[in-house]
Amino acid sequence: MQKQCLECGEKIVGRIDKKFCSDACRNAYNNKINKDSKNLIRNTNNRLRKNYRILETLNPNQKSKTSRAKLIEAGFDFNYITSIYTTKAGTIYYFVYNQGYLPLEGDYYALVKREN
């Protein structure tokens, strides 16, 4: 009895435990199965990447100040962060990887870069 590729149905030649005729079929099959969960992850990573680039652009010198309007105009999404840091004094910084922001009075934000 000949085994058939799970993706395209072609005859499989080679090892007895092979499930796919090629790497392309294996990748296509797995991409189809994981499509929904990968889509959520891809969209989340894209938002985080965009937020990171915006903070990096507006904060070239490790520390700066900007307005909420400027962040929103650039496309920043405040719903996507990677961590929150609370100082001993109770000040809360929001981070996208190593780029962070601190809400200030009057719709302004202090931008900071955390050193490793």
C-alpha atoms as a PDB file:
ATOM      1  CA  MET A   1       0.000   0.000   0.000  1.00  0.00           C
ATOM      2  CA  GLN A   2       1.399   3.405  -1.027  1.00  0.00           C
ATOM      3  CA  LYS A   3       1.131   6.360   1.344  1.00  0.00           C
ATOM      4  CA  GLN A   4      -0.165   9.669   0.031  1.00  0.00           C
ATOM      5  CA  CYS A   5       0.927  13.199   0.890  1.00  0.00           C
ATOM      6  CA  LEU A   6      -1.457  14.766   3.426  1.00  0.00           C
ATOM      7  CA  GLU A   7      -1.382  18.051   1.503  1.00  0.00           C
ATOM      8  CA  CYS A   8      -1.511  17.256  -2.211  1.00  0.00           C
ATOM      9  CA  GLY A   9      -2.276  13.521  -2.341  1.00  0.00           C
ATOM     10  CA  GLU A  10       0.827  12.638  -4.355  1.00  0.00           C
ATOM     11  CA  LYS A  11       2.534   9.290  -3.813  1.00  0.00           C
ATOM     12  CA  ILE A  12       5.216   9.435  -1.110  1.00  0.00           C
ATOM     13  CA  VAL A  13       8.626   7.958  -1.896  1.00  0.00           C
ATOM     14  CA  GLY A  14      11.227   7.406   0.792  1.00  0.00           C
ATOM     15  CA  ARG A  15      11.039   6.713   4.494  1.00  0.00           C
ATOM     16  CA  ILE A  16       8.133   4.697   5.773  1.00  0.00           C
ATOM     17  CA  ASP A  17       7.088   7.347   8.317  1.00  0.00           C
ATOM     18  CA  LYS A  18       6.984  10.288   5.863  1.00  0.00           C
ATOM     19  CA  LYS A  19       3.689  12.183   5.727  1.00  0.00           C
ATOM     20  CA  PHE A  20       4.468  14.713   2.981  1.00  0.00           C
ATOM     21  CA  CYS A  21       6.058  14.517  -0.457  1.00  0.00           C
ATOM     22  CA  SER A  22       8.067  17.736   0.027  1.00  0.00           C
ATOM     23  CA  ASP A  23       8.947  20.500   2.454  1.00  0.00           C
ATOM     24  CA  ALA A  24       6.619  22.829   0.540  1.00  0.00           C
ATOM     25  CA  CYS A  25       3.646  20.505   1.156  1.00  0.00           C
ATOM     26  CA  ARG A  26       4.593  20.090   4.827  1.00  0.00           C
ATOM     27  CA  ASN A  27       4.769  23.883   5.270  1.00  0.00           C
ATOM     28  CA  ALA A  28       1.507  24.489   3.410  1.00  0.00           C
ATOM     29  CA  TYR A  29      -0.301  21.850   5.489  1.00  0.00           C
ATOM     30  CA  ASN A  30       0.975  23.204   8.818  1.00  0.00           C
ATOM     31  CA  ASN A  31       0.244  26.805   7.804  1.00  0.00           C
ATOM     32  CA  LYS A  32      -3.360  25.858   7.041  1.00  0.00           C
ATOM     33  CA  ILE A  33      -3.796  24.098  10.381  1.00  0.00           C
ATOM     34  CA  ASN A  34      -2.268  26.943  12.418  1.00  0.00           C
ATOM     35  CA  LYS A  35      -3.737  29.798  10.381  1.00  0.00           C
ATOM     36  CA  ASP A  36      -6.153  31.212  12.973  1.00  0.00           C
ATOM     37  CA  SER A  37      -3.823  31.231  15.963  1.00  0.00           C
ATOM     38  CA  LYS A  38      -0.907  32.511  13.899  1.00  0.00           C
ATOM     39  CA  ASN A  39      -3.032  35.345  12.538  1.00  0.00           C
ATOM     40  CA  LEU A  40      -3.709  36.671  16.065  1.00  0.00           C
ATOM     41  CA  ILE A  41      -0.026  36.402  16.979  1.00  0.00           C
ATOM     42  CA  ARG A  42       1.066  38.052  13.726  1.00  0.00           C
ATOM     43  CA  ASN A  43      -1.351  40.960  14.205  1.00  0.00           C
ATOM     44  CA  THR A  44      -0.261  41.462  17.834  1.00  0.00           C
ATOM     45  CA  ASN A  45       3.425  41.394  16.887  1.00  0.00           C
ATOM     46  CA  ASN A  46       2.783  43.881  14.072  1.00  0.00           C
ATOM     47  CA  ARG A  47       1.109  46.316  16.525  1.00  0.00           C
ATOM     48  CA  LEU A  48       3.980  45.934  19.020  1.00  0.00           C
ATOM     49  CA  ARG A  49       6.543  46.472  16.258  1.00  0.00           C
ATOM     50  CA  LYS A  50       4.738  49.615  15.080  1.00  0.00           C
ATOM     51  CA  ASN A  51       4.501  50.993  18.634  1.00  0.00           C
ATOM     52  CA  TYR A  52       8.216  50.274  19.162  1.00  0.00           C
ATOM     53  CA  ARG A  53       9.203  52.102  15.969  1.00  0.00           C
ATOM     54  CA  ILE A  54       7.084  55.122  16.927  1.00  0.00           C
ATOM     55  CA  LEU A  55       8.648  55.356  20.409  1.00  0.00           C
ATOM     56  CA  GLU A  56      12.137  54.851  18.960  1.00  0.00           C
ATOM     57  CA  THR A  57      11.590  57.613  16.386  1.00  0.00           C
ATOM     58  CA  LEU A  58      10.207  60.093  18.922  1.00  0.00           C
ATOM     59  CA  ASN A  59      12.902  59.245  21.483  1.00  0.00           C
ATOM     60  CA  PRO A  60      16.296  59.295  19.705  1.00  0.00           C
ATOM     61  CA  ASN A  61      18.297  60.502  22.743  1.00  0.00           C
ATOM     62  CA  GLN A  62      17.246  58.020  25.477  1.00  0.00           C
ATOM     63  CA  LYS A  63      14.889  60.569  27.120  1.00  0.00           C
ATOM     64  CA  SER A  64      12.394  62.995  25.626  1.00  0.00           C
ATOM     65  CA  LYS A  65       8.893  64.384  25.975  1.00  0.00           C
ATOM     66  CA  THR A  66       5.959  64.232  23.564  1.00  0.00           C
ATOM     67  CA  SER A  67       2.215  64.792  23.450  1.00  0.00           C
ATOM     68  CA  ARG A  68      -0.554  62.219  23.297  1.00  0.00           C
ATOM     69  CA  ALA A  69      -1.734  63.813  20.041  1.00  0.00           C
ATOM     70  CA  LYS A  70       1.676  63.270  18.427  1.00  0.00           C
ATOM     71  CA  LEU A  71       1.708  59.601  19.472  1.00  0.00           C
ATOM     72  CA  ILE A  72      -1.818  59.014  18.163  1.00  0.00           C
ATOM     73  CA  GLU A  73      -1.070  60.890  14.935  1.00  0.00           C
ATOM     74  CA  ALA A  74       1.873  58.532  14.353  1.00  0.00           C
ATOM     75  CA  GLY A  75      -0.458  55.551  14.836  1.00  0.00           C
ATOM     76  CA  PHE A  76       0.520  54.549  18.379  1.00  0.00           C
ATOM     77  CA  ASP A  77      -1.895  52.080  20.039  1.00  0.00           C
ATOM     78  CA  PHE A  78      -1.901  52.366  23.838  1.00  0.00           C
ATOM     79  CA  ASN A  79      -3.474  48.891  24.138  1.00  0.00           C
ATOM     80  CA  TYR A  80      -0.274  47.116  23.077  1.00  0.00           C
ATOM     81  CA  ILE A  81       2.635  47.022  25.542  1.00  0.00           C
ATOM     82  CA  THR A  82       5.025  44.302  26.650  1.00  0.00           C
ATOM     83  CA  SER A  83       5.546  45.224  30.317  1.00  0.00           C
ATOM     84  CA  ILE A  84       4.767  47.624  33.138  1.00  0.00           C
ATOM     85  CA  TYR A  85       7.404  48.893  35.565  1.00  0.00           C
ATOM     86  CA  THR A  86       6.438  50.450  38.890  1.00  0.00           C
ATOM     87  CA  THR A  87       9.113  52.408  40.766  1.00  0.00           C
ATOM     88  CA  LYS A  88       9.465  52.360  44.554  1.00  0.00           C
ATOM     89  CA  ALA A  89       7.747  55.739  44.582  1.00  0.00           C
ATOM     90  CA  GLY A  90       4.749  54.239  42.763  1.00  0.00           C
ATOM     91  CA  THR A  91       5.380  55.797  39.340  1.00  0.00           C
ATOM     92  CA  ILE A  92       4.150  53.515  36.551  1.00  0.00           C
ATOM     93  CA  TYR A  93       6.103  53.223  33.283  1.00  0.00           C
ATOM     94  CA  TYR A  94       4.663  51.333  30.301  1.00  0.00           C
ATOM     95  CA  PHE A  95       7.136  49.557  28.017  1.00  0.00           C
ATOM     96  CA  VAL A  96       7.223  48.176  24.503  1.00  0.00           C
ATOM     97  CA  TYR A  97      10.334  46.046  24.840  1.00  0.00           C
ATOM     98  CA  ASN A  98      12.996  48.550  25.993  1.00  0.00           C
ATOM     99  CA  GLN A  99      11.179  51.722  24.858  1.00  0.00           C
ATOM    100  CA  GLY A 100       8.881  53.147  27.510  1.00  0.00           C
ATOM    101  CA  TYR A 101       6.592  56.017  28.335  1.00  0.00           C
ATOM    102  CA  LEU A 102       5.349  57.683  31.488  1.00  0.00           C
ATOM    103  CA  PRO A 103       2.040  59.572  31.455  1.00  0.00           C
ATOM    104  CA  LEU A 104       2.500  63.155  32.653  1.00  0.00           C
ATOM    105  CA  GLU A 105       0.015  65.913  33.391  1.00  0.00           C
ATOM    106  CA  GLY A 106      -1.771  67.605  30.513  1.00  0.00           C
ATOM    107  CA  ASP A 107      -1.716  64.747  27.980  1.00  0.00           C
ATOM    108  CA  TYR A 108       2.073  64.659  27.767  1.00  0.00           C
ATOM    109  CA  TYR A 109       4.376  61.671  28.022  1.00  0.00           C
ATOM    110  CA  ALA A 110       7.966  61.256  29.089  1.00  0.00           C
ATOM    111  CA  LEU A 111       9.693  58.801  26.761  1.00  0.00           C
ATOM    112  CA  VAL A 112      12.536  56.692  28.107  1.00  0.00           C
ATOM    113  CA  LYS A 113      14.790  53.910  26.925  1.00  0.00           C
ATOM    114  CA  ARG A 114      15.620  51.159  29.413  1.00  0.00           C
ATOM    115  CA  GLU A 115      19.216  49.996  29.344  1.00  0.00           C
ATOM    116  CA  ASN A 116      19.843  46.275  29.666  1.00  0.00           C
END
